[in-house]
Structures are given as C-alpha cells and as structure tokens.
C-alpha cells in the first residue's frame, strides 16, 4: 500500500461512510468551514450561518459523530453554560485502492455474512 493509500487507513469502512455522509450536506460543509476559522457557540454560529439553532444542532451532532468537529462546555462570565464547537484535524485522501481497503471492514445493515447467499 502506498503512502497515499494509507491516508484513510485509520478509517474503517463504516467510519468512512459516516464521514462521507456527514460531508454530503451543504449546511454541514458550511459548518465545518465556519468552525475551521474559529471555534464558536451554537447561537452565534446559527446566526452567522442563517439557520435555526435546532437545525444547526442536528448538523453538529452528525459532524461530531463522524469525528469532524468537537465540542467543549464552558461557563460564561455570568455562569451560563455554553457549548463551543471547533473543527478537529482531519485529512482524507481517497483513491480507488483506499476505498477498496475500507470496504473490507464495511458492515451493511441487513446483509448476511454468508457470501453463499449472494447472487453472482
């Protein structure tokens, strides 16, 4: 395996699917871009992106589950809990070989592990 193909070696097939699904939304791409510039809390980030806090929370949960952003709870000066989000360092280099390698650990819901049931 070349150095380029090993760029996704830390990702299982399922992890790669989560990352790709998380990045498949224009809203989530905008969220990643915004928190890559500076960490931010939900209310301010929602205002800057022009989306509701509820919708932003959904997108942030998906990005956090994929490991693309992280959150840290902090107290403001007035004692209010505020959750700050920031991007996590990541780099994904996809090649046909890295995808083939990732598929070896891909679990498909409802699929049988017994390959004899598959049509040829």
N, C-alpha and C. Protein backbone atom coordinates (compact mmCIF):
# COMPACT_ATOMS: atom_id res chain seq x y z
N UNK A 1 0.85 -1.18 0.00
CA UNK A 1 0.00 0.00 0.00
C UNK A 1 0.89 1.24 0.00
N UNK A 2 0.56 2.18 -0.88
CA UNK A 2 1.37 3.39 -0.97
C UNK A 2 1.05 4.33 0.17
N UNK A 3 1.90 5.34 0.35
CA UNK A 3 1.67 6.33 1.39
C UNK A 3 0.33 7.04 1.16
N UNK A 4 0.01 7.32 -0.11
CA UNK A 4 -1.24 7.99 -0.43
C UNK A 4 -2.44 7.13 -0.05
N UNK A 5 -2.36 5.81 -0.30
CA UNK A 5 -3.47 4.93 0.01
C UNK A 5 -3.65 4.74 1.50
N UNK A 6 -2.60 4.94 2.27
CA UNK A 6 -2.72 4.75 3.72
C UNK A 6 -3.32 5.97 4.41
N UNK A 7 -3.62 7.02 3.66
CA UNK A 7 -4.17 8.23 4.26
C UNK A 7 -5.51 7.97 4.94
N UNK A 8 -6.26 6.99 4.48
CA UNK A 8 -7.52 6.67 5.12
C UNK A 8 -7.42 5.38 5.91
N UNK A 9 -6.20 4.87 6.14
CA UNK A 9 -6.04 3.58 6.82
C UNK A 9 -6.58 3.60 8.24
N UNK A 10 -6.69 4.77 8.86
CA UNK A 10 -7.25 4.84 10.20
C UNK A 10 -8.76 4.75 10.21
N UNK A 11 -9.38 4.80 9.04
CA UNK A 11 -10.83 4.74 8.95
C UNK A 11 -11.29 3.36 8.52
N UNK A 12 -12.24 2.83 9.27
CA UNK A 12 -12.89 1.60 8.82
C UNK A 12 -13.87 1.98 7.71
N UNK A 13 -14.41 0.98 7.06
CA UNK A 13 -15.41 1.24 6.04
C UNK A 13 -16.59 2.00 6.61
N UNK A 14 -17.03 1.60 7.81
CA UNK A 14 -18.16 2.28 8.46
C UNK A 14 -17.80 3.72 8.82
N UNK A 15 -16.57 3.95 9.30
CA UNK A 15 -16.13 5.31 9.62
C UNK A 15 -16.12 6.18 8.36
N UNK A 16 -15.61 5.63 7.28
CA UNK A 16 -15.56 6.37 6.02
C UNK A 16 -16.96 6.73 5.55
N UNK A 17 -17.90 5.82 5.69
CA UNK A 17 -19.29 6.10 5.32
C UNK A 17 -19.87 7.23 6.18
N UNK A 18 -19.58 7.21 7.49
CA UNK A 18 -20.07 8.28 8.38
C UNK A 18 -19.49 9.63 7.98
N UNK A 19 -18.20 9.66 7.67
CA UNK A 19 -17.55 10.92 7.28
C UNK A 19 -18.13 11.42 5.96
N UNK A 20 -18.24 10.53 4.99
CA UNK A 20 -18.76 10.93 3.68
C UNK A 20 -20.21 11.40 3.80
N UNK A 21 -21.02 10.71 4.60
CA UNK A 21 -22.41 11.13 4.79
C UNK A 21 -22.47 12.49 5.48
N UNK A 22 -21.60 12.69 6.47
CA UNK A 22 -21.59 13.97 7.18
C UNK A 22 -21.22 15.12 6.26
N UNK A 23 -20.33 14.87 5.33
CA UNK A 23 -19.88 15.92 4.42
C UNK A 23 -20.77 16.07 3.19
N UNK A 24 -21.82 15.27 3.09
CA UNK A 24 -22.68 15.30 1.90
C UNK A 24 -23.72 16.43 1.94
N UNK A 25 -23.79 17.17 3.02
CA UNK A 25 -24.76 18.25 3.15
C UNK A 25 -24.07 19.61 2.98
N UNK A 26 -24.64 20.48 2.17
CA UNK A 26 -24.06 21.83 2.04
C UNK A 26 -24.04 22.58 3.37
N UNK A 27 -25.08 22.38 4.19
CA UNK A 27 -25.10 23.04 5.50
C UNK A 27 -23.95 22.57 6.37
N UNK A 28 -23.70 21.25 6.37
CA UNK A 28 -22.61 20.73 7.20
C UNK A 28 -21.25 21.16 6.67
N UNK A 29 -21.11 21.28 5.36
CA UNK A 29 -19.86 21.81 4.81
C UNK A 29 -19.63 23.24 5.28
N UNK A 30 -20.70 24.04 5.31
CA UNK A 30 -20.59 25.42 5.78
C UNK A 30 -20.25 25.47 7.27
N UNK A 31 -20.80 24.53 8.05
CA UNK A 31 -20.49 24.47 9.48
C UNK A 31 -19.01 24.16 9.68
N UNK A 32 -18.51 23.16 8.97
CA UNK A 32 -17.09 22.79 9.08
C UNK A 32 -16.21 23.98 8.69
N UNK A 33 -16.57 24.65 7.61
CA UNK A 33 -15.78 25.81 7.17
C UNK A 33 -15.79 26.91 8.23
N UNK A 34 -16.94 27.14 8.85
CA UNK A 34 -17.03 28.21 9.86
C UNK A 34 -16.22 27.88 11.10
N UNK A 35 -16.33 26.66 11.61
CA UNK A 35 -15.59 26.33 12.84
C UNK A 35 -14.12 26.06 12.56
N UNK A 36 -13.76 25.88 11.30
CA UNK A 36 -12.33 25.78 10.96
C UNK A 36 -11.67 27.15 11.09
N UNK A 37 -12.46 28.21 10.89
CA UNK A 37 -11.94 29.58 11.01
C UNK A 37 -11.78 29.98 12.47
N UNK A 38 -12.77 29.64 13.28
CA UNK A 38 -12.71 29.93 14.72
C UNK A 38 -13.78 29.12 15.43
N UNK A 39 -13.45 28.72 16.64
CA UNK A 39 -14.44 27.98 17.44
C UNK A 39 -15.60 28.91 17.73
N UNK A 40 -16.76 28.32 17.92
CA UNK A 40 -17.95 29.15 18.07
C UNK A 40 -19.00 28.42 18.88
N UNK A 41 -19.94 29.16 19.45
CA UNK A 41 -21.03 28.54 20.18
C UNK A 41 -22.28 28.54 19.30
N UNK A 42 -23.23 27.69 19.65
CA UNK A 42 -24.37 27.39 18.79
C UNK A 42 -25.15 28.64 18.37
N UNK A 43 -25.54 29.48 19.31
CA UNK A 43 -26.38 30.64 18.96
C UNK A 43 -25.70 31.56 17.96
N UNK A 44 -24.45 31.88 18.21
CA UNK A 44 -23.72 32.77 17.30
C UNK A 44 -23.50 32.10 15.95
N UNK A 45 -23.15 30.83 15.97
CA UNK A 45 -22.92 30.09 14.72
C UNK A 45 -24.20 30.02 13.90
N UNK A 46 -25.34 29.77 14.55
CA UNK A 46 -26.62 29.72 13.85
C UNK A 46 -26.93 31.07 13.19
N UNK A 47 -26.69 32.15 13.90
CA UNK A 47 -26.91 33.50 13.33
C UNK A 47 -26.01 33.74 12.13
N UNK A 48 -24.73 33.38 12.27
CA UNK A 48 -23.77 33.61 11.18
C UNK A 48 -24.12 32.79 9.94
N UNK A 49 -24.63 31.58 10.14
CA UNK A 49 -24.96 30.71 9.01
C UNK A 49 -26.39 30.91 8.50
N UNK A 50 -27.20 31.64 9.27
CA UNK A 50 -28.56 31.90 8.84
C UNK A 50 -29.47 30.69 8.90
N UNK A 51 -29.23 29.81 9.90
CA UNK A 51 -30.10 28.65 10.09
C UNK A 51 -30.54 28.60 11.55
N UNK A 52 -31.61 27.85 11.81
CA UNK A 52 -32.12 27.77 13.18
C UNK A 52 -31.15 27.01 14.07
N UNK A 53 -31.21 27.27 15.36
CA UNK A 53 -30.36 26.54 16.31
C UNK A 53 -30.71 25.06 16.31
N UNK A 54 -32.00 24.74 16.19
CA UNK A 54 -32.42 23.34 16.18
C UNK A 54 -31.82 22.59 14.99
N UNK A 55 -31.87 23.20 13.82
CA UNK A 55 -31.29 22.57 12.63
C UNK A 55 -29.77 22.47 12.77
N UNK A 56 -29.16 23.52 13.28
CA UNK A 56 -27.71 23.50 13.48
C UNK A 56 -27.31 22.38 14.44
N UNK A 57 -28.07 22.19 15.51
CA UNK A 57 -27.76 21.12 16.47
C UNK A 57 -27.77 19.75 15.79
N UNK A 58 -28.72 19.54 14.90
CA UNK A 58 -28.78 18.26 14.17
C UNK A 58 -27.51 18.07 13.35
N UNK A 59 -27.13 19.12 12.63
CA UNK A 59 -25.92 19.03 11.80
C UNK A 59 -24.66 18.85 12.65
N UNK A 60 -24.58 19.56 13.77
CA UNK A 60 -23.42 19.43 14.64
C UNK A 60 -23.31 18.02 15.23
N UNK A 61 -24.43 17.43 15.61
CA UNK A 61 -24.40 16.05 16.13
C UNK A 61 -23.86 15.07 15.10
N UNK A 62 -24.28 15.24 13.85
CA UNK A 62 -23.81 14.35 12.79
C UNK A 62 -22.31 14.56 12.55
N UNK A 63 -21.87 15.80 12.53
CA UNK A 63 -20.45 16.09 12.34
C UNK A 63 -19.60 15.59 13.50
N UNK A 64 -20.14 15.72 14.71
CA UNK A 64 -19.41 15.25 15.89
C UNK A 64 -19.33 13.72 15.88
N UNK A 65 -20.41 13.05 15.50
CA UNK A 65 -20.41 11.58 15.42
C UNK A 65 -19.40 11.07 14.39
N UNK A 66 -19.17 11.87 13.36
CA UNK A 66 -18.20 11.49 12.33
C UNK A 66 -16.78 11.88 12.71
N UNK A 67 -16.61 12.59 13.84
CA UNK A 67 -15.28 12.98 14.29
C UNK A 67 -14.72 14.20 13.59
N UNK A 68 -15.59 14.98 12.95
CA UNK A 68 -15.12 16.14 12.19
C UNK A 68 -15.11 17.43 13.01
N UNK A 69 -15.93 17.47 14.06
CA UNK A 69 -15.92 18.60 14.98
C UNK A 69 -15.95 18.06 16.40
N UNK A 70 -15.52 18.89 17.33
CA UNK A 70 -15.59 18.51 18.74
C UNK A 70 -16.23 19.66 19.51
N UNK A 71 -16.75 19.33 20.67
CA UNK A 71 -17.44 20.33 21.49
C UNK A 71 -16.83 20.36 22.88
N UNK A 72 -16.89 21.56 23.46
CA UNK A 72 -16.40 21.74 24.82
C UNK A 72 -17.36 22.67 25.55
N UNK A 73 -17.83 22.23 26.70
CA UNK A 73 -18.76 23.02 27.50
C UNK A 73 -17.95 23.97 28.39
N UNK A 74 -18.29 25.25 28.35
CA UNK A 74 -17.61 26.26 29.15
C UNK A 74 -18.63 27.14 29.84
N UNK A 75 -18.24 27.76 30.93
CA UNK A 75 -19.11 28.70 31.63
C UNK A 75 -18.77 30.12 31.20
N UNK A 76 -19.83 30.90 30.91
CA UNK A 76 -19.62 32.31 30.57
C UNK A 76 -19.39 33.10 31.86
N UNK A 77 -19.10 34.37 31.73
CA UNK A 77 -18.85 35.22 32.90
C UNK A 77 -20.06 35.28 33.83
N UNK A 78 -21.27 35.17 33.24
CA UNK A 78 -22.48 35.23 34.06
C UNK A 78 -22.93 33.85 34.55
N UNK A 79 -22.09 32.84 34.35
CA UNK A 79 -22.37 31.50 34.86
C UNK A 79 -23.20 30.62 33.94
N UNK A 80 -23.46 31.09 32.74
CA UNK A 80 -24.27 30.33 31.78
C UNK A 80 -23.38 29.32 31.06
N UNK A 81 -23.87 28.07 30.95
CA UNK A 81 -23.13 27.04 30.23
C UNK A 81 -23.24 27.28 28.73
N UNK A 82 -22.10 27.26 28.06
CA UNK A 82 -22.07 27.47 26.60
C UNK A 82 -21.24 26.36 25.99
N UNK A 83 -21.77 25.77 24.93
CA UNK A 83 -21.07 24.69 24.24
C UNK A 83 -20.38 25.27 23.01
N UNK A 84 -19.06 25.20 23.01
CA UNK A 84 -18.27 25.70 21.90
C UNK A 84 -17.87 24.54 20.99
N UNK A 85 -17.95 24.77 19.69
CA UNK A 85 -17.57 23.77 18.70
C UNK A 85 -16.35 24.26 17.94
N UNK A 86 -15.50 23.30 17.58
CA UNK A 86 -14.35 23.59 16.74
C UNK A 86 -14.09 22.40 15.84
N UNK A 87 -13.38 22.64 14.76
CA UNK A 87 -13.07 21.53 13.86
C UNK A 87 -11.97 20.67 14.47
N UNK A 88 -12.00 19.41 14.15
CA UNK A 88 -10.91 18.52 14.55
C UNK A 88 -10.00 18.35 13.35
N UNK A 89 -8.72 18.16 13.56
CA UNK A 89 -7.82 17.97 12.42
C UNK A 89 -8.16 16.68 11.68
N UNK A 90 -8.33 16.79 10.39
CA UNK A 90 -8.56 15.59 9.58
C UNK A 90 -8.08 15.85 8.16
N UNK A 91 -7.71 14.79 7.50
CA UNK A 91 -7.35 14.83 6.08
C UNK A 91 -7.73 13.48 5.49
N UNK A 92 -8.44 13.53 4.41
CA UNK A 92 -8.88 12.29 3.77
C UNK A 92 -8.44 12.34 2.31
N UNK A 93 -7.66 11.38 1.93
CA UNK A 93 -7.21 11.27 0.55
C UNK A 93 -7.82 9.99 0.00
N UNK A 94 -8.75 10.12 -0.91
CA UNK A 94 -9.43 8.95 -1.44
C UNK A 94 -8.83 8.53 -2.77
N UNK A 95 -8.56 7.27 -2.86
CA UNK A 95 -8.13 6.66 -4.11
C UNK A 95 -8.97 5.39 -4.28
N UNK A 96 -9.00 4.84 -5.48
CA UNK A 96 -9.72 3.57 -5.63
C UNK A 96 -9.19 2.50 -4.66
N UNK A 97 -7.90 2.46 -4.43
CA UNK A 97 -7.33 1.46 -3.53
C UNK A 97 -7.72 1.70 -2.07
N UNK A 98 -7.72 2.97 -1.64
CA UNK A 98 -8.09 3.24 -0.25
C UNK A 98 -9.57 2.92 -0.02
N UNK A 99 -10.40 3.14 -1.03
CA UNK A 99 -11.82 2.77 -0.91
C UNK A 99 -11.96 1.26 -0.86
N UNK A 100 -11.21 0.56 -1.70
CA UNK A 100 -11.26 -0.91 -1.69
C UNK A 100 -10.83 -1.45 -0.34
N UNK A 101 -9.80 -0.87 0.23
CA UNK A 101 -9.33 -1.30 1.56
C UNK A 101 -10.39 -1.04 2.62
N UNK A 102 -11.02 0.13 2.56
CA UNK A 102 -12.06 0.46 3.54
C UNK A 102 -13.26 -0.47 3.43
N UNK A 103 -13.59 -0.90 2.22
CA UNK A 103 -14.77 -1.77 2.06
C UNK A 103 -14.57 -3.12 2.71
N UNK A 104 -13.33 -3.51 2.98
CA UNK A 104 -13.08 -4.80 3.64
C UNK A 104 -13.62 -4.80 5.07
N UNK A 105 -13.82 -3.62 5.66
CA UNK A 105 -14.35 -3.53 7.03
C UNK A 105 -15.73 -2.89 7.07
N UNK A 106 -16.39 -2.84 5.91
CA UNK A 106 -17.70 -2.22 5.81
C UNK A 106 -18.78 -3.22 6.22
N UNK A 107 -19.67 -2.78 7.08
CA UNK A 107 -20.80 -3.60 7.51
C UNK A 107 -22.07 -3.02 6.91
N UNK A 108 -22.79 -3.84 6.18
CA UNK A 108 -24.02 -3.40 5.55
C UNK A 108 -25.18 -3.96 6.35
N UNK A 109 -26.05 -3.06 6.85
CA UNK A 109 -27.18 -3.49 7.66
C UNK A 109 -28.06 -4.43 6.86
N UNK A 110 -28.46 -5.52 7.52
CA UNK A 110 -29.37 -6.46 6.89
C UNK A 110 -28.70 -7.43 5.95
N UNK A 111 -27.42 -7.24 5.67
CA UNK A 111 -26.71 -8.15 4.77
C UNK A 111 -26.23 -9.37 5.55
N UNK A 112 -26.29 -10.50 4.92
CA UNK A 112 -25.83 -11.74 5.54
C UNK A 112 -24.31 -11.82 5.44
N UNK A 113 -23.68 -12.33 6.47
CA UNK A 113 -22.23 -12.53 6.43
C UNK A 113 -21.87 -13.72 5.55
N UNK A 114 -22.84 -14.56 5.26
CA UNK A 114 -22.60 -15.75 4.44
C UNK A 114 -22.68 -15.35 2.97
N UNK A 115 -21.55 -15.34 2.29
CA UNK A 115 -21.47 -14.89 0.91
C UNK A 115 -22.14 -15.87 -0.05
N UNK A 116 -22.49 -17.07 0.41
CA UNK A 116 -23.12 -18.04 -0.48
C UNK A 116 -24.55 -17.62 -0.84
N UNK A 117 -25.11 -16.65 -0.10
CA UNK A 117 -26.46 -16.19 -0.39
C UNK A 117 -26.46 -15.08 -1.43
N UNK A 118 -25.29 -14.59 -1.81
CA UNK A 118 -25.21 -13.50 -2.77
C UNK A 118 -25.34 -14.03 -4.18
N UNK A 119 -26.03 -13.25 -5.03
CA UNK A 119 -26.15 -13.62 -6.44
C UNK A 119 -24.85 -13.29 -7.14
N UNK A 120 -24.54 -14.10 -8.13
CA UNK A 120 -23.32 -13.83 -8.90
C UNK A 120 -23.67 -13.18 -10.21
